[in-house]
Amino acid sequence: MSTTRSDLKGRLTDGLYGLGWGAVKKLPEPVAAALFRNLADQVWRRRGKSVLRLESNLARVVPDADAARLAELSQAGMRSYMRYWMESFRLPTWSPERIKASIDVRDAHRLTEGLDAGRGVVLALPHLGNWDLAGAWVTTDLKVPFTTVAERLKPETLYDRFVAYRQGLGMEVLPHSGGAAFGTLARRLRAGGLVCLVADRDLSASGVEVDFFGATARMPAGPA
């Protein structure tokens, strides 16, 4: 029975994401923005596990915040998170001009100088802002393809959706497990390519414990 429930949940999740990519991009943008803002507020008011975890994390980052301030920050955080999904569902329809105008990039020469010199470049990135928009800027404005690694999601069809979505934005996506990602990344770098890796979440068994906002957290060994 548990397997059946898991399968049903996976199919439902996959269907909802498919609906998002298929329908949300067709809505007028003000309608889509209001829809996802309202959804964020509904999730926030339910005070589920995700909201409580967010407030617990915020309490570490902003230790002087009282309950009212933490509630304000967590609501803003949920709205930001839902805005990310709204923009991600609509991003394939954005023009190169819209992508360029929607991102503020500083010190881009640190990236382009290495690539122009024929050296492979690694961008170590945090879970911050709209990662896909940043990637779209690299491929559309700089016109530089890049390779990245993605965690395998359940169900497999959902992972395939994310891969197709990011490939459509010009990214080469390798699976974190079940493949030969490390060797491919090494070849891309030796050829003078660009590799983008999320650097603040350890998905291996070889992470390094660091002090992170007064608590112990495990980070990937390279960035740590």
Protein backbone atom coordinates (compact mmCIF):
# COMPACT_ATOMS: atom_id res chain seq x y z
CA MET A 1 0.00 0.00 0.00
CA SER A 2 2.82 2.43 0.85
CA THR A 3 4.41 1.84 -2.56
CA THR A 4 1.11 2.57 -4.24
CA ARG A 5 0.70 5.81 -2.31
CA SER A 6 4.25 6.80 -3.23
CA ASP A 7 3.58 6.12 -6.91
CA LEU A 8 0.35 8.12 -6.80
CA LYS A 9 2.08 11.00 -5.04
CA GLY A 10 4.86 10.94 -7.63
CA ARG A 11 2.42 11.01 -10.53
CA LEU A 12 0.47 13.85 -8.91
CA THR A 13 3.65 15.88 -8.33
CA ASP A 14 4.81 15.30 -11.88
CA GLY A 15 1.38 16.28 -13.21
CA LEU A 16 1.33 19.51 -11.20
CA TYR A 17 4.74 20.56 -12.47
CA GLY A 18 3.67 19.67 -16.00
CA LEU A 19 0.58 21.83 -15.55
CA GLY A 20 2.77 24.65 -14.30
CA TRP A 21 5.06 24.62 -17.31
CA GLY A 22 2.15 24.14 -19.68
CA ALA A 23 -0.38 26.62 -18.29
CA VAL A 24 1.29 29.27 -16.12
CA LYS A 25 3.36 30.67 -18.98
CA LYS A 26 0.12 31.31 -20.91
CA LEU A 27 -1.45 33.45 -18.19
CA PRO A 28 -1.15 37.25 -18.24
CA GLU A 29 1.84 38.02 -16.06
CA PRO A 30 -0.08 40.10 -13.44
CA VAL A 31 -2.53 37.21 -13.06
CA ALA A 32 0.27 34.68 -12.64
CA ALA A 33 2.08 36.91 -10.12
CA ALA A 34 -1.07 37.40 -8.04
CA LEU A 35 -1.87 33.68 -8.18
CA PHE A 36 1.51 32.64 -6.82
CA ARG A 37 1.56 35.41 -4.24
CA ASN A 38 -1.79 34.21 -2.91
CA LEU A 39 -0.55 30.63 -2.93
CA ALA A 40 2.51 31.67 -0.91
CA ASP A 41 0.32 33.40 1.67
CA GLN A 42 -1.94 30.35 1.97
CA VAL A 43 1.02 28.06 2.58
CA TRP A 44 2.47 30.53 5.08
CA ARG A 45 -0.78 30.80 7.05
CA ARG A 46 -1.05 27.00 7.39
CA ARG A 47 2.17 26.97 9.43
CA GLY A 48 3.29 23.63 8.03
CA LYS A 49 6.70 21.99 8.43
CA SER A 50 8.31 24.01 5.65
CA VAL A 51 7.29 27.35 7.18
CA LEU A 52 8.32 26.30 10.69
CA ARG A 53 11.71 25.14 9.38
CA LEU A 54 12.13 28.43 7.52
CA GLU A 55 11.45 30.41 10.68
CA SER A 56 13.82 28.19 12.65
CA ASN A 57 16.57 28.92 10.12
CA LEU A 58 15.77 32.63 10.09
CA ALA A 59 16.02 32.72 13.88
CA ARG A 60 19.66 31.63 13.54
CA VAL A 61 20.42 34.16 10.83
CA VAL A 62 18.59 37.05 12.55
CA PRO A 63 18.97 36.17 16.24
CA ASP A 64 17.64 39.53 17.47
CA ALA A 65 14.32 39.21 15.58
CA ASP A 66 11.18 38.88 17.70
CA ALA A 67 8.22 36.66 16.76
CA ALA A 68 6.54 39.38 14.69
CA ARG A 69 9.74 40.06 12.73
CA LEU A 70 10.31 36.34 12.10
CA ALA A 71 6.74 36.01 10.82
CA GLU A 72 7.30 38.97 8.50
CA LEU A 73 10.54 37.49 7.18
CA SER A 74 9.08 34.02 6.68
CA GLN A 75 6.10 35.40 4.76
CA ALA A 76 8.46 37.37 2.52
CA GLY A 77 10.54 34.22 2.08
CA MET A 78 7.54 32.15 0.97
CA ARG A 79 6.51 34.87 -1.47
CA SER A 80 10.02 34.95 -2.89
CA TYR A 81 10.03 31.15 -3.23
CA MET A 82 6.72 31.12 -5.09
CA ARG A 83 7.86 33.99 -7.28
CA TYR A 84 10.82 31.82 -8.25
CA TRP A 85 8.47 29.08 -9.44
CA MET A 86 6.24 31.52 -11.29
CA GLU A 87 9.25 32.97 -13.10
CA SER A 88 10.69 29.52 -13.79
CA PHE A 89 7.47 28.31 -15.39
CA ARG A 90 7.43 31.42 -17.60
CA LEU A 91 11.18 31.73 -18.28
CA PRO A 92 11.15 29.73 -21.56
CA THR A 93 8.93 32.45 -23.07
CA TRP A 94 11.18 35.37 -22.04
CA SER A 95 13.15 37.18 -24.73
CA PRO A 96 16.94 37.59 -24.45
CA GLU A 97 16.31 41.28 -23.79
CA ARG A 98 13.98 40.49 -20.90
CA ILE A 99 16.48 38.04 -19.42
CA LYS A 100 19.31 40.59 -19.61
CA ALA A 101 17.17 43.34 -18.07
CA SER A 102 16.06 41.09 -15.19
CA ILE A 103 19.48 40.40 -13.72
CA ASP A 104 22.21 42.61 -12.28
CA VAL A 105 25.62 41.06 -12.91
CA ARG A 106 28.78 42.54 -11.47
CA ASP A 107 32.43 41.65 -12.12
CA ALA A 108 31.49 39.44 -15.07
CA HIS A 109 35.08 39.86 -16.28
CA ARG A 110 36.14 37.35 -13.65
CA LEU A 111 34.19 34.80 -15.66
CA THR A 112 34.85 35.94 -19.21
CA GLU A 113 38.60 36.53 -18.84
CA GLY A 114 39.22 32.93 -17.87
CA LEU A 115 37.06 31.59 -20.71
CA ASP A 116 38.64 33.96 -23.25
CA ALA A 117 42.06 32.67 -22.18
CA GLY A 118 40.94 29.12 -22.92
CA ARG A 119 40.91 28.02 -19.30
CA GLY A 120 38.10 26.01 -17.80
CA VAL A 121 36.10 27.95 -15.22
CA VAL A 122 34.10 26.67 -12.24
CA LEU A 123 31.34 28.83 -10.81
CA ALA A 124 30.55 27.82 -7.21
CA LEU A 125 27.01 29.02 -6.57
CA PRO A 126 24.66 29.22 -3.57
CA HIS A 127 20.96 28.44 -3.38
CA LEU A 128 20.15 32.10 -3.79
CA GLY A 129 17.75 33.95 -6.08
CA ASN A 130 16.65 32.50 -9.40
CA TRP A 131 19.36 30.05 -10.38
CA ASP A 132 17.71 29.29 -13.74
CA LEU A 133 17.51 32.97 -14.67
CA ALA A 134 21.23 33.34 -13.95
CA GLY A 135 21.91 30.33 -16.15
CA ALA A 136 19.73 31.73 -18.92
CA TRP A 137 21.72 34.98 -18.75
CA VAL A 138 24.97 33.06 -19.26
CA THR A 139 23.65 31.18 -22.29
CA THR A 140 21.72 34.04 -23.93
CA ASP A 141 23.67 37.21 -23.11
CA LEU A 142 27.20 35.82 -22.86
CA LYS A 143 26.30 33.07 -25.35
CA VAL A 144 28.37 30.62 -23.31
CA PRO A 145 27.09 27.05 -22.87
CA PHE A 146 27.79 25.42 -19.54
CA THR A 147 27.54 22.11 -17.76
CA THR A 148 25.90 21.52 -14.40
CA VAL A 149 24.83 18.66 -12.15
CA ALA A 150 21.30 18.05 -10.89
CA GLU A 151 20.03 15.83 -8.13
CA ARG A 152 17.84 12.99 -9.36
CA LEU A 153 14.22 13.61 -8.39
CA LYS A 154 11.36 11.24 -7.79
CA PRO A 155 9.56 10.28 -9.93
CA GLU A 156 11.99 9.92 -12.82
CA THR A 157 9.56 11.68 -15.13
CA LEU A 158 9.82 14.80 -12.96
CA TYR A 159 13.61 14.71 -13.18
CA ASP A 160 13.26 14.39 -16.96
CA ARG A 161 11.04 17.49 -17.00
CA PHE A 162 13.65 19.54 -15.15
CA VAL A 163 16.42 18.32 -17.43
CA ALA A 164 14.42 19.16 -20.56
CA TYR A 165 13.53 22.58 -19.15
CA ARG A 166 17.14 23.48 -18.39
CA GLN A 167 18.44 22.02 -21.62
CA GLY A 168 15.93 24.26 -23.37
CA LEU A 169 17.69 27.21 -21.72
CA GLY A 170 21.05 26.06 -23.12
CA MET A 171 22.44 24.08 -20.17
CA GLU A 172 24.01 20.64 -20.23
CA VAL A 173 22.60 18.78 -17.22
CA LEU A 174 24.30 15.71 -15.74
CA PRO A 175 22.73 13.45 -13.09
CA HIS A 176 24.31 13.56 -9.65
CA SER A 177 23.98 9.80 -9.32
CA GLY A 178 23.75 6.93 -11.76
CA GLY A 179 26.19 8.39 -14.26
CA ALA A 180 29.76 9.56 -14.81
CA ALA A 181 29.31 13.22 -13.97
CA PHE A 182 32.78 13.80 -12.52
CA GLY A 183 34.59 12.56 -15.61
CA THR A 184 32.40 14.62 -17.91
CA LEU A 185 32.96 17.75 -15.83
CA ALA A 186 36.72 17.19 -15.96
CA ARG A 187 36.62 16.87 -19.75
CA ARG A 188 34.55 20.06 -20.11
CA LEU A 189 37.05 21.99 -17.97
CA ARG A 190 40.07 20.64 -19.82
CA ALA A 191 38.42 21.83 -23.04
CA GLY A 192 38.11 25.34 -21.62
CA GLY A 193 34.42 25.11 -20.78
CA LEU A 194 32.27 26.47 -18.00
CA VAL A 195 30.97 24.36 -15.11
CA CYS A 196 28.37 25.66 -12.67
CA LEU A 197 27.96 23.81 -9.38
CA VAL A 198 25.76 24.52 -6.38
CA ALA A 199 28.25 24.77 -3.54
CA ASP A 200 26.20 25.00 -0.33
CA ARG A 201 24.54 21.59 -0.14
CA ASP A 202 26.37 18.32 0.37
CA LEU A 203 24.87 15.36 -1.49
CA SER A 204 27.81 13.05 -0.85
CA ALA A 205 29.21 11.16 2.09
CA SER A 206 32.43 13.19 2.06
CA GLY A 207 31.21 16.60 3.22
CA VAL A 208 33.11 18.78 5.66
CA GLU A 209 31.55 20.11 8.86
CA VAL A 210 31.75 23.89 9.13
CA ASP A 211 30.43 26.57 11.48
CA PHE A 212 27.41 28.12 9.77
CA PHE A 213 25.54 30.91 11.60
CA GLY A 214 26.55 29.49 14.95
CA ALA A 215 25.61 25.89 14.19
CA THR A 216 27.36 22.93 12.60
CA ALA A 217 26.51 22.25 8.98
CA ARG A 218 27.99 19.89 6.40
CA MET A 219 29.16 21.45 3.16
CA PRO A 220 30.75 19.99 0.02
CA ALA A 221 34.47 19.49 0.60
CA GLY A 222 35.68 21.71 -2.26
CA PRO A 223 33.93 24.95 -1.24
CA ALA A 224 34.49 24.22 2.45
